[in-house]
């Protein structure tokens, strides 16, 4: 790849077009939000080919992006705020909340790079330059006291445009992130002229979920930030996206269900079982060594009563399945997939509320120590609408992520660009383990390319 640097052309802040009285009030966070203090910002973006017709003007396009972002922030106003903390000395405690006061809004960066779309999508591994297409490099969510809770960077390539968002993980989870992204694309399409308000098809529910029976303002029994601040420093990793066709996934699903004499195991559970087995084999773990697969699960529909699908905030739980490396590799893939299926099925309202009750008694913040060296962690979802975000550019060429929240064994699921039930997996591994995975016959027999 040609050597190239990312040049910043302009940098500004975008405020909501309209600010309601409700948007002027502080927002107190849920246990799921507060647990994310030491996680990186969520960084996801979409690469588009640049329109070839003569009517396309980059200046006009940027102005339209800014105008539609401002209109979208009217609905998603927490993203235009900052975090704030109230400290109490006796007993020592922290109260962290979203503060709409004295914030310049969301950041908007226009950048350029002397690369083509093929320079980004053709290499086997995701090029490191992609990390520079995102703002907030290595920032953790607690940094949202000083940094914008949302930063958009739009990078011009020679023949493409990359629209990237970095969003604070205390404010959004993956579902909320793509809800905002989808709404921004919708507003971009519908906004005309100088309307002061543009409605959206799926307004977010901003009010945070607080467990019944406890105070509406949660406090953390810490005496100093050092007790919960952790800045991950992962080793050098290889980052590669693998493509799985709908046909390939159907065959895998049929195989694991047949082995278990059931029809209940999903495509994603089947694929997760495959990845867990093959990554464990690539790592060469001893037979007796414990290994786990953690799958990010959305709690919204599992709670009773359920949260709205448009609940804007974190509602995540990591479902953990554990076994030994020997059992994982010696048993059938159907056995592995069934274990994952059972873990997902058993993740109920009762289990969620038991976890929250434990958290309230002893609050924890997710740090790097929660991700052991022998696990894989599967996040993202094939049901998020990513390629439906067009911004007048047509369908994107790829969905890519920044350097945030990456470690050895991190797996992110995307819908496949081909649609029809296809999936893409972004897998991050130590270089020697990635080489072994690329030579794994069981794994490579299922991928499309």
Protein backbone atom coordinates (compact mmCIF):
# COMPACT_ATOMS: atom_id res chain seq x y z
CA UNK A 1 0.00 0.00 0.00
CA UNK A 2 1.19 3.51 -0.80
CA UNK A 3 2.40 5.54 2.15
CA UNK A 4 -0.11 8.18 3.11
CA UNK A 5 -1.09 10.37 6.02
CA UNK A 6 -4.55 11.49 7.06
CA UNK A 7 -4.89 15.25 6.67
CA UNK A 8 -7.41 17.20 8.74
CA UNK A 9 -9.22 19.71 6.52
CA UNK A 10 -11.69 21.14 9.04
CA UNK A 11 -12.82 20.57 12.60
CA UNK A 12 -15.96 21.93 14.26
CA UNK A 13 -18.72 21.13 16.75
CA UNK A 14 -22.35 20.41 15.94
CA UNK A 15 -25.16 21.23 18.36
CA UNK A 16 -28.73 19.90 18.26
CA UNK A 17 -30.92 21.93 15.93
CA UNK A 18 -33.58 22.23 18.63
CA UNK A 19 -33.18 21.79 22.39
CA UNK A 20 -36.27 20.80 24.35
CA UNK A 21 -36.73 21.44 28.06
CA UNK A 22 -36.26 17.69 28.62
CA UNK A 23 -32.90 17.82 26.83
CA UNK A 24 -31.66 20.43 29.33
CA UNK A 25 -31.95 18.00 32.26
CA UNK A 26 -29.13 15.73 33.50
CA UNK A 27 -29.42 12.01 32.72
CA UNK A 28 -28.48 9.62 35.50
CA UNK A 29 -26.97 6.35 34.38
CA UNK A 30 -27.94 2.70 34.79
CA UNK A 31 -25.72 -0.09 36.17
CA UNK A 32 -25.05 -1.26 32.60
CA UNK A 33 -23.85 2.24 31.64
CA UNK A 34 -21.65 2.72 34.67
CA UNK A 35 -19.97 -0.66 34.17
CA UNK A 36 -18.62 0.66 30.84
CA UNK A 37 -16.45 3.45 32.31
CA UNK A 38 -13.13 1.88 31.36
CA UNK A 39 -14.13 0.52 27.96
CA UNK A 40 -13.10 2.32 24.80
CA UNK A 41 -15.52 4.37 22.74
CA UNK A 42 -17.45 2.35 20.17
CA UNK A 43 -15.80 3.00 16.77
CA UNK A 44 -17.61 1.90 13.62
CA UNK A 45 -17.74 3.36 10.13
CA UNK A 46 -18.83 2.65 6.58
CA UNK A 47 -16.70 2.93 3.42
CA UNK A 48 -18.50 4.19 0.30
CA UNK A 49 -17.41 4.58 -3.31
CA UNK A 50 -17.43 8.25 -4.26
CA UNK A 51 -20.25 9.16 -6.69
CA UNK A 52 -18.97 9.53 -10.24
CA UNK A 53 -21.67 11.84 -11.52
CA UNK A 54 -20.67 15.45 -12.10
CA UNK A 55 -23.33 16.85 -9.78
CA UNK A 56 -21.60 15.53 -6.64
CA UNK A 57 -19.90 18.31 -4.70
CA UNK A 58 -17.93 17.43 -1.56
CA UNK A 59 -18.51 20.84 0.08
CA UNK A 60 -22.28 20.55 -0.36
CA UNK A 61 -22.16 16.96 0.85
CA UNK A 62 -20.31 17.95 4.04
CA UNK A 63 -22.77 20.78 4.70
CA UNK A 64 -25.67 18.36 4.29
CA UNK A 65 -24.04 15.89 6.67
CA UNK A 66 -23.61 18.61 9.30
CA UNK A 67 -27.18 19.90 8.90
CA UNK A 68 -28.67 16.41 9.13
CA UNK A 69 -26.43 15.56 12.11
CA UNK A 70 -27.68 18.65 13.93
CA UNK A 71 -31.28 17.63 13.22
CA UNK A 72 -30.58 14.06 14.37
CA UNK A 73 -29.01 15.28 17.62
CA UNK A 74 -32.32 16.95 18.42
CA UNK A 75 -33.62 13.42 19.01
CA UNK A 76 -30.35 11.91 20.34
CA UNK A 77 -29.37 14.86 22.52
CA UNK A 78 -27.28 12.86 25.08
CA UNK A 79 -24.61 12.49 22.36
CA UNK A 80 -24.18 16.29 22.32
CA UNK A 81 -23.48 16.47 26.06
CA UNK A 82 -20.56 15.61 28.36
CA UNK A 83 -20.10 13.47 31.45
CA UNK A 84 -19.92 15.01 34.90
CA UNK A 85 -19.13 13.66 38.37
CA UNK A 86 -20.33 14.66 41.82
CA UNK A 87 -18.05 13.47 44.63
CA UNK A 88 -19.21 13.03 48.19
CA UNK A 89 -16.58 12.81 50.96
CA UNK A 90 -18.58 11.05 53.68
CA UNK A 91 -19.10 8.27 52.93
CA UNK A 92 -16.85 8.49 49.85
CA UNK A 93 -18.84 8.07 46.64
CA UNK A 94 -19.07 9.10 42.99
CA UNK A 95 -22.19 10.03 41.05
CA UNK A 96 -21.52 10.10 37.30
CA UNK A 97 -24.15 11.47 34.92
CA UNK A 98 -24.68 12.92 31.45
CA UNK A 99 -24.54 16.69 31.74
CA UNK A 100 -26.06 18.79 28.93
CA UNK A 101 -24.66 22.06 30.30
CA UNK A 102 -21.61 23.84 28.90
CA UNK A 103 -21.02 21.42 26.03
CA UNK A 104 -20.12 22.60 22.53
CA UNK A 105 -21.87 19.53 21.08
CA UNK A 106 -20.66 16.63 18.98
CA UNK A 107 -17.39 16.93 17.09
CA UNK A 108 -17.30 16.83 13.29
CA UNK A 109 -14.01 16.34 11.42
CA UNK A 110 -13.47 16.51 7.66
CA UNK A 111 -10.27 14.69 6.66
CA UNK A 112 -8.59 13.39 3.51
CA UNK A 113 -6.13 10.64 2.62
CA UNK A 114 -4.32 9.76 -0.62
CA UNK A 115 -5.66 6.20 -0.84
CA UNK A 116 -8.27 4.35 -2.88
CA UNK A 117 -11.11 2.10 -1.78
CA UNK A 118 -9.12 -0.89 -3.06
CA UNK A 119 -6.19 0.13 -0.86
CA UNK A 120 -8.50 -0.44 2.10
CA UNK A 121 -10.56 -3.50 1.11
CA UNK A 122 -8.08 -5.49 -1.03
CA UNK A 123 -5.45 -6.43 1.60
CA UNK A 124 -5.93 -9.65 3.58
CA UNK A 125 -5.79 -7.80 6.91
CA UNK A 126 -7.55 -4.55 7.73
CA UNK A 127 -4.86 -1.87 7.15
CA UNK A 128 -3.66 -0.02 10.24
CA UNK A 129 -4.35 3.31 8.49
CA UNK A 130 -8.07 2.63 9.08
CA UNK A 131 -7.54 3.39 12.78
CA UNK A 132 -6.72 6.98 11.78
CA UNK A 133 -10.14 7.34 10.15
CA UNK A 134 -11.57 7.56 13.68
CA UNK A 135 -11.32 10.21 16.37
CA UNK A 136 -10.76 9.47 20.07
CA UNK A 137 -7.86 7.06 19.58
CA UNK A 138 -7.63 4.82 22.67
CA UNK A 139 -9.95 7.08 24.69
CA UNK A 140 -11.99 5.32 27.36
CA UNK A 141 -15.54 6.26 28.20
CA UNK A 142 -14.61 8.03 31.43
CA UNK A 143 -12.70 10.52 29.24
CA UNK A 144 -16.13 11.79 28.17
CA UNK A 145 -15.85 14.29 31.02
CA UNK A 146 -13.58 16.30 28.70
CA UNK A 147 -14.00 14.71 25.27
CA UNK A 148 -17.15 14.83 23.10
CA UNK A 149 -19.47 11.88 23.68
CA UNK A 150 -19.81 11.63 19.89
CA UNK A 151 -17.17 12.42 17.30
CA UNK A 152 -17.78 12.03 13.58
CA UNK A 153 -14.87 11.88 11.13
CA UNK A 154 -15.57 11.93 7.41
CA UNK A 155 -12.45 10.97 5.46
CA UNK A 156 -12.20 11.57 1.71
CA UNK A 157 -10.31 8.94 -0.27
CA UNK A 158 -9.32 9.38 -3.91
CA UNK A 159 -12.41 7.46 -5.03
CA UNK A 160 -14.30 6.96 -1.79
CA UNK A 161 -15.71 8.42 1.43
CA UNK A 162 -15.47 6.89 4.90
CA UNK A 163 -18.05 8.01 7.48
CA UNK A 164 -16.90 7.05 10.98
CA UNK A 165 -18.48 7.56 14.39
CA UNK A 166 -16.78 7.27 17.78
CA UNK A 167 -19.48 7.12 20.49
CA UNK A 168 -19.04 6.91 24.24
CA UNK A 169 -19.78 3.39 25.51
CA UNK A 170 -21.38 4.72 28.71
CA UNK A 171 -23.98 6.42 26.50
CA UNK A 172 -24.60 3.72 23.88
CA UNK A 173 -24.28 0.00 23.24
CA UNK A 174 -24.17 -1.51 19.76
CA UNK A 175 -27.94 -1.45 19.34
CA UNK A 176 -28.15 2.23 20.32
CA UNK A 177 -25.11 3.10 18.19
CA UNK A 178 -26.69 1.73 15.01
CA UNK A 179 -30.08 3.18 15.96
CA UNK A 180 -28.44 6.62 15.92
CA UNK A 181 -26.52 5.88 12.69
CA UNK A 182 -29.70 4.63 10.97
CA UNK A 183 -31.63 7.71 12.10
CA UNK A 184 -28.91 10.06 10.87
CA UNK A 185 -29.03 8.40 7.45
CA UNK A 186 -32.84 8.68 7.48
CA UNK A 187 -32.71 12.39 8.34
CA UNK A 188 -30.07 13.00 5.66
CA UNK A 189 -32.42 11.50 3.09
CA UNK A 190 -35.53 13.36 4.25
CA UNK A 191 -34.18 16.76 5.31
CA UNK A 192 -34.97 19.47 2.79
CA UNK A 193 -34.55 23.22 2.98
CA UNK A 194 -34.58 24.89 6.39
CA UNK A 195 -37.09 22.83 8.37
CA UNK A 196 -36.69 23.36 12.09
CA UNK A 197 -37.72 19.83 12.99
CA UNK A 198 -37.40 16.55 11.14
CA UNK A 199 -39.26 13.56 12.59
CA UNK A 200 -37.74 10.09 12.55
CA UNK A 201 -39.43 6.70 12.23
CA UNK A 202 -37.94 5.28 15.47
CA UNK A 203 -37.58 7.99 18.15
CA UNK A 204 -35.21 6.90 20.94
CA UNK A 205 -36.37 6.31 24.50
CA UNK A 206 -33.87 8.39 26.47
CA UNK A 207 -35.00 7.63 30.03
CA UNK A 208 -32.52 5.20 31.60
CA UNK A 209 -33.62 1.90 33.18
CA UNK A 210 -33.07 1.87 36.94
CA UNK A 211 -33.95 -1.29 38.92
CA UNK A 212 -37.20 -1.02 40.82
CA UNK A 213 -36.84 -0.44 44.52
CA UNK A 214 -33.56 1.47 44.39
CA UNK A 215 -32.67 5.15 44.19
CA UNK A 216 -33.08 6.80 40.79
CA UNK A 217 -29.56 8.24 41.17
CA UNK A 218 -26.95 5.51 41.59
CA UNK A 219 -23.74 6.19 43.49
CA UNK A 220 -20.45 4.33 43.26
CA UNK A 221 -18.62 3.55 46.54
CA UNK A 222 -15.19 4.56 45.28
CA UNK A 223 -12.72 6.95 46.86
CA UNK A 224 -10.58 7.63 43.77
CA UNK A 225 -10.71 7.22 39.98
CA UNK A 226 -7.73 4.85 40.15
CA UNK A 227 -10.07 2.22 41.59
CA UNK A 228 -11.95 1.89 38.31
CA UNK A 229 -9.88 3.51 35.57
CA UNK A 230 -8.03 1.03 33.36
CA UNK A 231 -6.44 1.81 30.01
CA UNK A 232 -6.05 -1.34 27.92
CA UNK A 233 -2.71 -1.80 26.19
CA UNK A 234 -3.09 -4.86 23.93
CA UNK A 235 -0.11 -6.42 22.11
CA UNK A 236 0.28 -6.18 18.35
CA UNK A 237 -2.61 -7.97 16.69
CA UNK A 238 -3.70 -9.06 13.26
CA UNK A 239 -7.17 -7.90 12.32
CA UNK A 240 -8.91 -9.74 9.50
CA UNK A 241 -12.48 -9.88 8.17
CA UNK A 242 -13.79 -13.29 7.08
CA UNK A 243 -16.86 -13.66 4.85
CA UNK A 244 -19.48 -16.39 5.29
CA UNK A 245 -22.12 -16.85 2.59
CA UNK A 246 -25.74 -17.63 3.38
CA UNK A 247 -25.35 -21.08 1.80
CA UNK A 248 -22.24 -21.88 3.85
CA UNK A 249 -23.95 -20.83 7.09
CA UNK A 250 -27.06 -22.87 6.24
CA UNK A 251 -24.95 -25.99 5.77
CA UNK A 252 -23.13 -25.39 9.07
CA UNK A 253 -26.40 -24.83 10.91
CA UNK A 254 -27.90 -28.00 9.44
CA UNK A 255 -24.83 -29.99 10.46
CA UNK A 256 -24.85 -28.91 14.12
CA UNK A 257 -28.62 -29.29 14.49
CA UNK A 258 -28.49 -32.77 12.96
CA UNK A 259 -25.76 -33.80 15.40
CA UNK A 260 -27.94 -32.64 18.30
CA UNK A 261 -31.24 -33.93 16.91
CA UNK A 262 -32.79 -30.45 17.12
CA UNK A 263 -33.69 -27.46 14.96
CA UNK A 264 -33.18 -24.81 17.65
CA UNK A 265 -29.52 -23.86 17.20
CA UNK A 266 -29.17 -20.63 15.22
CA UNK A 267 -26.71 -19.72 12.49
CA UNK A 268 -24.88 -17.34 14.81
CA UNK A 269 -24.60 -19.94 17.58
CA UNK A 270 -23.31 -22.47 15.03
CA UNK A 271 -20.74 -20.01 13.71
CA UNK A 272 -19.69 -18.99 17.22
CA UNK A 273 -19.10 -22.65 18.09
CA UNK A 274 -16.91 -23.03 15.00
CA UNK A 275 -14.83 -19.96 15.82
CA UNK A 276 -14.39 -20.93 19.47
CA UNK A 277 -13.15 -24.40 18.53
CA UNK A 278 -10.85 -23.25 15.76
CA UNK A 279 -9.31 -20.32 17.66
CA UNK A 280 -8.69 -22.63 20.63
CA UNK A 281 -6.98 -25.11 18.30
CA UNK A 282 -4.93 -22.29 16.75
CA UNK A 283 -3.74 -21.22 20.19
CA UNK A 284 -2.49 -24.74 20.94
CA UNK A 285 -3.89 -24.77 24.47
CA UNK A 286 -3.14 -27.79 26.69
CA UNK A 287 -6.07 -30.24 27.00
CA UNK A 288 -6.73 -29.38 30.66
CA UNK A 289 -6.62 -25.61 30.15
CA UNK A 290 -9.94 -23.85 30.73
CA UNK A 291 -11.31 -21.76 27.89
CA UNK A 292 -14.49 -19.71 27.54
CA UNK A 293 -16.70 -18.12 24.94
CA UNK A 294 -18.41 -14.87 25.89
CA UNK A 295 -21.31 -13.69 23.76
CA UNK A 296 -22.73 -10.17 24.09
CA UNK A 297 -26.50 -10.40 24.58
CA UNK A 298 -29.12 -7.66 24.41
CA UNK A 299 -31.26 -7.57 27.56
CA UNK A 300 -34.06 -5.36 26.15
CA UNK A 301 -36.49 -8.09 25.14
CA UNK A 302 -35.39 -10.50 27.88
CA UNK A 303 -36.50 -8.29 30.76
CA UNK A 304 -40.03 -8.54 32.16
CA UNK A 305 -41.56 -6.16 31.40
CA UNK A 306 -39.32 -5.71 28.34
CA UNK A 307 -37.55 -2.49 27.51
CA UNK A 308 -38.50 -0.77 24.25
CA UNK A 309 -36.42 -1.83 21.26
CA UNK A 310 -35.56 1.87 20.90
CA UNK A 311 -34.19 2.12 24.47
CA UNK A 312 -31.18 4.44 24.08
CA UNK A 313 -28.38 3.34 26.37
CA UNK A 314 -26.58 0.18 27.41
CA UNK A 315 -28.58 -3.00 27.93
CA UNK A 316 -25.90 -5.65 27.50
CA UNK A 317 -24.78 -8.75 29.27
CA UNK A 318 -21.87 -11.07 28.49
CA UNK A 319 -23.07 -14.69 28.45
CA UNK A 320 -20.17 -16.97 29.37
CA UNK A 321 -19.76 -20.65 28.47
CA UNK A 322 -16.72 -22.49 29.82
CA UNK A 323 -15.08 -25.86 29.21
CA UNK A 324 -11.58 -27.30 28.80
CA UNK A 325 -9.63 -27.12 25.55
CA UNK A 326 -9.59 -30.92 25.39
CA UNK A 327 -13.34 -31.30 25.70
CA UNK A 328 -13.99 -28.45 23.26
CA UNK A 329 -11.87 -30.07 20.55
CA UNK A 330 -12.69 -33.72 21.20
CA UNK A 331 -16.45 -33.31 21.32
CA UNK A 332 -18.48 -32.66 18.15
CA UNK A 333 -19.14 -29.13 16.96
CA UNK A 334 -22.82 -29.84 17.57
CA UNK A 335 -22.09 -30.39 21.28
CA UNK A 336 -20.28 -27.03 21.42
CA UNK A 337 -23.08 -25.21 19.62
CA UNK A 338 -25.70 -26.75 21.91
CA UNK A 339 -23.79 -25.50 24.98
CA UNK A 340 -23.85 -21.97 23.53
CA UNK A 341 -27.53 -22.31 22.64
CA UNK A 342 -28.40 -23.38 26.17
CA UNK A 343 -26.49 -20.45 27.66
CA UNK A 344 -28.37 -17.99 25.45
CA UNK A 345 -31.74 -19.64 26.15
CA UNK A 346 -31.14 -19.59 29.90
CA UNK A 347 -30.32 -15.87 29.90
CA UNK A 348 -33.64 -14.79 31.38
CA UNK A 349 -35.23 -11.92 33.27
CA UNK A 350 -34.37 -13.72 36.51
CA UNK A 351 -30.67 -14.04 35.64
CA UNK A 352 -30.44 -10.44 34.46
CA UNK A 353 -31.99 -9.06 37.63
CA UNK A 354 -29.82 -11.30 39.82
CA UNK A 355 -26.75 -9.85 38.11
CA UNK A 356 -28.03 -6.30 38.62
CA UNK A 357 -28.76 -7.00 42.31
CA UNK A 358 -25.19 -8.26 42.76
CA UNK A 359 -23.87 -5.20 40.94
CA UNK A 360 -25.82 -2.84 43.22
CA UNK A 361 -24.30 -4.52 46.29
CA UNK A 362 -20.78 -4.45 44.85
CA UNK A 363 -20.48 -2.22 41.75
CA UNK A 364 -17.90 -3.30 39.21
CA UNK A 365 -16.39 -1.65 36.17
CA UNK A 366 -15.32 -3.77 33.20
CA UNK A 367 -11.55 -3.62 32.83
CA UNK A 368 -8.98 -5.64 30.88
CA UNK A 369 -8.79 -8.24 33.66
CA UNK A 370 -12.28 -9.46 32.67
CA UNK A 371 -10.91 -10.78 29.35
CA UNK A 372 -8.64 -13.74 30.06
CA UNK A 373 -6.08 -14.88 27.53
CA UNK A 374 -7.89 -18.12 26.67
CA UNK A 375 -11.33 -16.72 25.90
CA UNK A 376 -12.99 -15.37 22.81
CA UNK A 377 -15.51 -12.55 23.07
CA UNK A 378 -18.20 -12.25 20.40
CA UNK A 379 -19.87 -8.86 19.97
CA UNK A 380 -21.84 -7.07 17.30
CA UNK A 381 -24.84 -8.58 15.54
CA UNK A 382 -25.88 -9.65 12.04
CA UNK A 383 -29.28 -8.01 12.57
CA UNK A 384 -27.96 -4.43 12.85
CA UNK A 385 -28.83 -2.41 9.75
CA UNK A 386 -25.45 -1.24 8.52
CA UNK A 387 -25.64 -1.30 4.73
CA UNK A 388 -28.99 0.49 4.76
CA UNK A 389 -27.15 3.71 5.68
CA UNK A 390 -26.56 5.35 2.29
CA UNK A 391 -26.29 9.14 2.78
CA UNK A 392 -26.96 9.63 -0.91
CA UNK A 393 -23.83 7.62 -1.75
CA UNK A 394 -25.42 4.25 -2.49
CA UNK A 395 -24.56 1.06 -0.65
CA UNK A 396 -21.31 0.91 1.25
CA UNK A 397 -18.35 -1.25 0.24
CA UNK A 398 -17.41 -2.31 3.78
CA UNK A 399 -18.10 -1.79 7.47
CA UNK A 400 -14.89 -1.25 9.42
CA UNK A 401 -13.88 -0.45 13.00
CA UNK A 402 -11.15 1.53 14.72
CA UNK A 403 -8.61 0.31 17.25
CA UNK A 404 -11.11 0.48 20.13
CA UNK A 405 -11.99 -2.54 22.29
CA UNK A 406 -9.67 -4.91 20.42
CA UNK A 407 -7.71 -7.69 22.06
CA UNK A 408 -6.56 -11.22 21.30
CA UNK A 409 -9.77 -13.19 20.78
CA UNK A 410 -12.15 -10.32 20.03
CA UNK A 411 -14.71 -11.29 17.36
CA UNK A 412 -17.19 -8.78 15.91
CA UNK A 413 -20.19 -9.90 13.87
CA UNK A 414 -21.47 -7.83 10.94
CA UNK A 415 -24.21 -8.54 8.42
CA UNK A 416 -22.68 -9.67 5.15
CA UNK A 417 -22.63 -7.13 2.35
CA UNK A 418 -24.35 -9.70 0.11
CA UNK A 419 -27.37 -9.80 2.43
CA UNK A 420 -29.65 -12.88 2.40
CA UNK A 421 -28.34 -14.07 5.76
CA UNK A 422 -24.62 -13.83 4.99
CA UNK A 423 -22.28 -12.67 7.77
CA UNK A 424 -18.86 -11.11 8.14
CA UNK A 425 -16.64 -11.74 11.15
CA UNK A 426 -13.85 -9.41 12.19
CA UNK A 427 -11.36 -11.50 14.18
CA UNK A 428 -8.44 -10.09 16.15
CA UNK A 429 -5.65 -12.49 17.13
CA UNK A 430 -1.96 -12.56 17.93
CA UNK A 431 -0.08 -12.88 14.60
CA UNK A 432 1.10 -16.45 15.20
CA UNK A 433 -2.43 -17.55 16.15
CA UNK A 434 -3.94 -15.93 13.06
CA UNK A 435 -1.50 -17.84 10.87
CA UNK A 436 -2.61 -21.07 12.56
CA UNK A 437 -6.30 -20.16 12.12
CA UNK A 438 -5.75 -19.49 8.41
CA UNK A 439 -4.39 -23.04 8.12
CA UNK A 440 -7.24 -24.65 10.06
CA UNK A 441 -9.12 -26.92 7.64
CA UNK A 442 -12.36 -26.97 9.66
CA UNK A 443 -12.49 -23.15 9.74
CA UNK A 444 -11.36 -22.45 6.19
CA UNK A 445 -13.84 -24.97 4.76
CA UNK A 446 -16.72 -22.76 5.90
CA UNK A 447 -15.52 -19.27 4.95
CA UNK A 448 -16.37 -17.86 1.55
CA UNK A 449 -13.21 -15.82 1.05
